[in-house]
Amino acid sequence: MPKLSEAEAKIIKAMYSCKGVATKMEITAKAKLGELSTSMLDFLIEKGMLEKVAPNANNNEPSYQLTFAGKGCFLHLPANI
């Protein structure tokens, strides 16, 4: 299982609480991060924690969702994060 930084853990926790698909802006707000870079999301995609969902007709912004590994890592996050 990949090691997660505190910021990465907050992102995964926020995604888990979204219970589905979320945009970058929704993730940033839910994780209470001042800023969330696309490179951080790409890094989590490379780690296998998130996957990118193509934009749909109603939304031009790409969305993200947890992968099976991302859902599993959430169960092992420390409670204080």
N, C-alpha and C. Protein backbone atom coordinates (compact mmCIF):
# COMPACT_ATOMS: atom_id res chain seq x y z
N MET A 1 0.85 -1.17 0.00
CA MET A 1 0.00 0.00 0.00
C MET A 1 0.90 1.24 0.00
N PRO A 2 0.59 2.22 -0.85
CA PRO A 2 1.43 3.42 -0.93
C PRO A 2 1.37 4.24 0.36
N LYS A 3 2.48 4.91 0.68
CA LYS A 3 2.52 5.84 1.80
C LYS A 3 1.83 7.12 1.37
N LEU A 4 1.09 7.74 2.28
CA LEU A 4 0.36 8.97 1.98
C LEU A 4 0.84 10.11 2.87
N SER A 5 1.01 11.30 2.29
CA SER A 5 1.30 12.49 3.07
C SER A 5 0.00 12.95 3.74
N GLU A 6 0.10 13.92 4.61
CA GLU A 6 -1.09 14.44 5.28
C GLU A 6 -2.07 15.06 4.28
N ALA A 7 -1.53 15.81 3.31
CA ALA A 7 -2.40 16.43 2.29
C ALA A 7 -3.09 15.36 1.45
N GLU A 8 -2.33 14.34 1.06
CA GLU A 8 -2.92 13.26 0.26
C GLU A 8 -4.00 12.53 1.04
N ALA A 9 -3.75 12.31 2.33
CA ALA A 9 -4.74 11.64 3.17
C ALA A 9 -6.02 12.47 3.28
N LYS A 10 -5.87 13.79 3.37
CA LYS A 10 -7.04 14.67 3.43
C LYS A 10 -7.85 14.59 2.14
N ILE A 11 -7.15 14.50 1.02
CA ILE A 11 -7.83 14.40 -0.28
C ILE A 11 -8.61 13.09 -0.36
N ILE A 12 -7.97 11.99 0.03
CA ILE A 12 -8.64 10.69 -0.02
C ILE A 12 -9.84 10.68 0.92
N LYS A 13 -9.66 11.24 2.11
CA LYS A 13 -10.77 11.30 3.07
C LYS A 13 -11.93 12.14 2.52
N ALA A 14 -11.59 13.26 1.89
CA ALA A 14 -12.62 14.11 1.29
C ALA A 14 -13.35 13.37 0.17
N MET A 15 -12.60 12.66 -0.66
CA MET A 15 -13.21 11.89 -1.75
C MET A 15 -14.13 10.81 -1.20
N TYR A 16 -13.70 10.17 -0.13
CA TYR A 16 -14.52 9.11 0.46
C TYR A 16 -15.84 9.71 0.97
N SER A 17 -15.76 10.90 1.56
CA SER A 17 -16.98 11.52 2.09
C SER A 17 -17.89 12.02 0.97
N CYS A 18 -17.35 12.25 -0.22
CA CYS A 18 -18.18 12.66 -1.37
C CYS A 18 -19.04 11.51 -1.88
N LYS A 19 -18.65 10.29 -1.58
CA LYS A 19 -19.40 9.08 -1.97
C LYS A 19 -19.68 9.03 -3.47
N GLY A 20 -18.66 9.27 -4.24
CA GLY A 20 -18.85 9.19 -5.69
C GLY A 20 -17.82 9.98 -6.43
N VAL A 21 -18.29 10.83 -7.29
CA VAL A 21 -17.43 11.59 -8.18
C VAL A 21 -17.43 13.05 -7.74
N ALA A 22 -16.24 13.68 -7.78
CA ALA A 22 -16.13 15.09 -7.38
C ALA A 22 -15.16 15.82 -8.29
N THR A 23 -15.39 17.11 -8.46
CA THR A 23 -14.49 17.94 -9.24
C THR A 23 -13.34 18.41 -8.35
N LYS A 24 -12.34 18.99 -8.98
CA LYS A 24 -11.18 19.51 -8.25
C LYS A 24 -11.62 20.54 -7.21
N MET A 25 -12.53 21.42 -7.59
CA MET A 25 -13.01 22.46 -6.67
C MET A 25 -13.76 21.84 -5.48
N GLU A 26 -14.57 20.84 -5.73
CA GLU A 26 -15.29 20.17 -4.65
C GLU A 26 -14.33 19.46 -3.70
N ILE A 27 -13.31 18.84 -4.25
CA ILE A 27 -12.31 18.15 -3.42
C ILE A 27 -11.57 19.15 -2.56
N THR A 28 -11.16 20.27 -3.16
CA THR A 28 -10.42 21.31 -2.43
C THR A 28 -11.25 21.84 -1.26
N ALA A 29 -12.52 22.11 -1.50
CA ALA A 29 -13.39 22.63 -0.45
C ALA A 29 -13.62 21.59 0.65
N LYS A 30 -13.89 20.36 0.26
CA LYS A 30 -14.19 19.29 1.22
C LYS A 30 -12.96 18.95 2.08
N ALA A 31 -11.77 19.00 1.47
CA ALA A 31 -10.53 18.68 2.18
C ALA A 31 -10.01 19.87 2.98
N LYS A 32 -10.64 21.03 2.79
CA LYS A 32 -10.25 22.26 3.47
C LYS A 32 -8.79 22.60 3.19
N LEU A 33 -8.42 22.47 1.92
CA LEU A 33 -7.08 22.83 1.47
C LEU A 33 -7.14 24.21 0.83
N GLY A 34 -6.13 25.01 1.05
CA GLY A 34 -6.09 26.33 0.44
C GLY A 34 -6.03 26.25 -1.07
N GLU A 35 -5.24 25.30 -1.55
CA GLU A 35 -5.07 25.12 -2.99
C GLU A 35 -4.79 23.66 -3.27
N LEU A 36 -5.31 23.18 -4.37
CA LEU A 36 -5.08 21.80 -4.80
C LEU A 36 -4.63 21.84 -6.24
N SER A 37 -3.41 21.39 -6.48
CA SER A 37 -2.87 21.43 -7.84
C SER A 37 -3.31 20.21 -8.64
N THR A 38 -3.37 20.41 -9.93
CA THR A 38 -3.68 19.30 -10.82
C THR A 38 -2.58 18.25 -10.75
N SER A 39 -1.34 18.70 -10.51
CA SER A 39 -0.23 17.75 -10.40
C SER A 39 -0.40 16.83 -9.19
N MET A 40 -0.99 17.34 -8.09
CA MET A 40 -1.26 16.49 -6.92
C MET A 40 -2.29 15.43 -7.28
N LEU A 41 -3.33 15.83 -7.99
CA LEU A 41 -4.34 14.86 -8.41
C LEU A 41 -3.74 13.84 -9.39
N ASP A 42 -2.89 14.31 -10.30
CA ASP A 42 -2.22 13.40 -11.24
C ASP A 42 -1.33 12.42 -10.48
N PHE A 43 -0.66 12.90 -9.44
CA PHE A 43 0.20 12.05 -8.62
C PHE A 43 -0.63 10.95 -7.94
N LEU A 44 -1.80 11.31 -7.43
CA LEU A 44 -2.67 10.32 -6.79
C LEU A 44 -3.24 9.34 -7.82
N ILE A 45 -3.42 9.79 -9.04
CA ILE A 45 -3.84 8.89 -10.12
C ILE A 45 -2.72 7.90 -10.41
N GLU A 46 -1.47 8.40 -10.48
CA GLU A 46 -0.32 7.52 -10.72
C GLU A 46 -0.15 6.50 -9.60
N LYS A 47 -0.44 6.90 -8.36
CA LYS A 47 -0.35 5.98 -7.22
C LYS A 47 -1.46 4.95 -7.23
N GLY A 48 -2.49 5.19 -8.05
CA GLY A 48 -3.61 4.25 -8.12
C GLY A 48 -4.70 4.53 -7.11
N MET A 49 -4.67 5.72 -6.49
CA MET A 49 -5.66 6.07 -5.48
C MET A 49 -6.92 6.69 -6.09
N LEU A 50 -6.74 7.48 -7.14
CA LEU A 50 -7.85 8.15 -7.82
C LEU A 50 -7.85 7.77 -9.28
N GLU A 51 -9.00 7.98 -9.92
CA GLU A 51 -9.06 7.88 -11.37
C GLU A 51 -9.85 9.08 -11.88
N LYS A 52 -9.47 9.52 -13.07
CA LYS A 52 -10.10 10.68 -13.69
C LYS A 52 -11.30 10.22 -14.49
N VAL A 53 -12.40 10.95 -14.33
CA VAL A 53 -13.62 10.66 -15.06
C VAL A 53 -13.78 11.76 -16.11
N ALA A 54 -14.01 11.37 -17.33
CA ALA A 54 -14.15 12.34 -18.42
C ALA A 54 -15.30 13.30 -18.16
N PRO A 55 -15.13 14.55 -18.57
CA PRO A 55 -16.23 15.52 -18.42
C PRO A 55 -17.46 15.07 -19.19
N ASN A 56 -18.63 15.41 -18.67
CA ASN A 56 -19.86 15.06 -19.38
C ASN A 56 -20.45 16.30 -20.03
N ALA A 57 -21.58 16.17 -20.67
CA ALA A 57 -22.20 17.28 -21.40
C ALA A 57 -22.60 18.42 -20.47
N ASN A 58 -22.94 18.13 -19.23
CA ASN A 58 -23.38 19.15 -18.28
C ASN A 58 -22.22 19.84 -17.56
N ASN A 59 -21.03 19.23 -17.60
CA ASN A 59 -19.91 19.75 -16.85
C ASN A 59 -18.64 19.63 -17.69
N ASN A 60 -17.99 20.75 -17.96
CA ASN A 60 -16.77 20.73 -18.77
C ASN A 60 -15.54 20.36 -17.96
N GLU A 61 -15.64 20.42 -16.64
CA GLU A 61 -14.50 20.14 -15.77
C GLU A 61 -14.39 18.64 -15.50
N PRO A 62 -13.18 18.08 -15.59
CA PRO A 62 -13.04 16.66 -15.28
C PRO A 62 -13.33 16.39 -13.81
N SER A 63 -13.79 15.20 -13.52
CA SER A 63 -14.08 14.80 -12.15
C SER A 63 -13.16 13.65 -11.78
N TYR A 64 -13.13 13.34 -10.51
CA TYR A 64 -12.27 12.29 -9.98
C TYR A 64 -13.09 11.39 -9.08
N GLN A 65 -12.66 10.13 -9.00
CA GLN A 65 -13.30 9.20 -8.08
C GLN A 65 -12.23 8.29 -7.50
N LEU A 66 -12.53 7.72 -6.34
CA LEU A 66 -11.60 6.79 -5.72
C LEU A 66 -11.54 5.49 -6.49
N THR A 67 -10.38 4.91 -6.55
CA THR A 67 -10.23 3.57 -7.09
C THR A 67 -10.48 2.58 -5.95
N PHE A 68 -10.45 1.32 -6.26
CA PHE A 68 -10.59 0.30 -5.23
C PHE A 68 -9.49 0.45 -4.19
N ALA A 69 -8.25 0.73 -4.64
CA ALA A 69 -7.13 0.93 -3.71
C ALA A 69 -7.36 2.16 -2.85
N GLY A 70 -7.88 3.22 -3.44
CA GLY A 70 -8.15 4.44 -2.68
C GLY A 70 -9.17 4.21 -1.58
N LYS A 71 -10.18 3.44 -1.88
CA LYS A 71 -11.19 3.12 -0.87
C LYS A 71 -10.57 2.28 0.24
N GLY A 72 -9.67 1.38 -0.10
CA GLY A 72 -9.02 0.54 0.89
C GLY A 72 -8.07 1.33 1.78
N CYS A 73 -7.35 2.31 1.20
CA CYS A 73 -6.43 3.12 1.99
C CYS A 73 -7.16 3.96 3.01
N PHE A 74 -8.36 4.40 2.69
CA PHE A 74 -9.10 5.24 3.62
C PHE A 74 -9.31 4.51 4.94
N LEU A 75 -9.51 3.24 4.89
CA LEU A 75 -9.76 2.46 6.09
C LEU A 75 -8.57 2.45 7.02
N HIS A 76 -7.37 2.75 6.50
CA HIS A 76 -6.16 2.69 7.29
C HIS A 76 -5.62 4.07 7.66
N LEU A 77 -6.36 5.13 7.35
CA LEU A 77 -5.89 6.48 7.68
C LEU A 77 -6.01 6.71 9.18
N PRO A 78 -5.05 7.45 9.74
CA PRO A 78 -5.16 7.79 11.17
C PRO A 78 -6.40 8.62 11.42
N ALA A 79 -6.99 8.47 12.56
CA ALA A 79 -8.23 9.19 12.89
C ALA A 79 -8.04 10.68 13.03
N ASN A 80 -6.83 11.15 13.32
CA ASN A 80 -6.63 12.57 13.55
C ASN A 80 -6.41 13.37 12.27
N ILE A 81 -6.46 12.75 11.12
CA ILE A 81 -6.28 13.48 9.86
C ILE A 81 -7.63 13.90 9.33
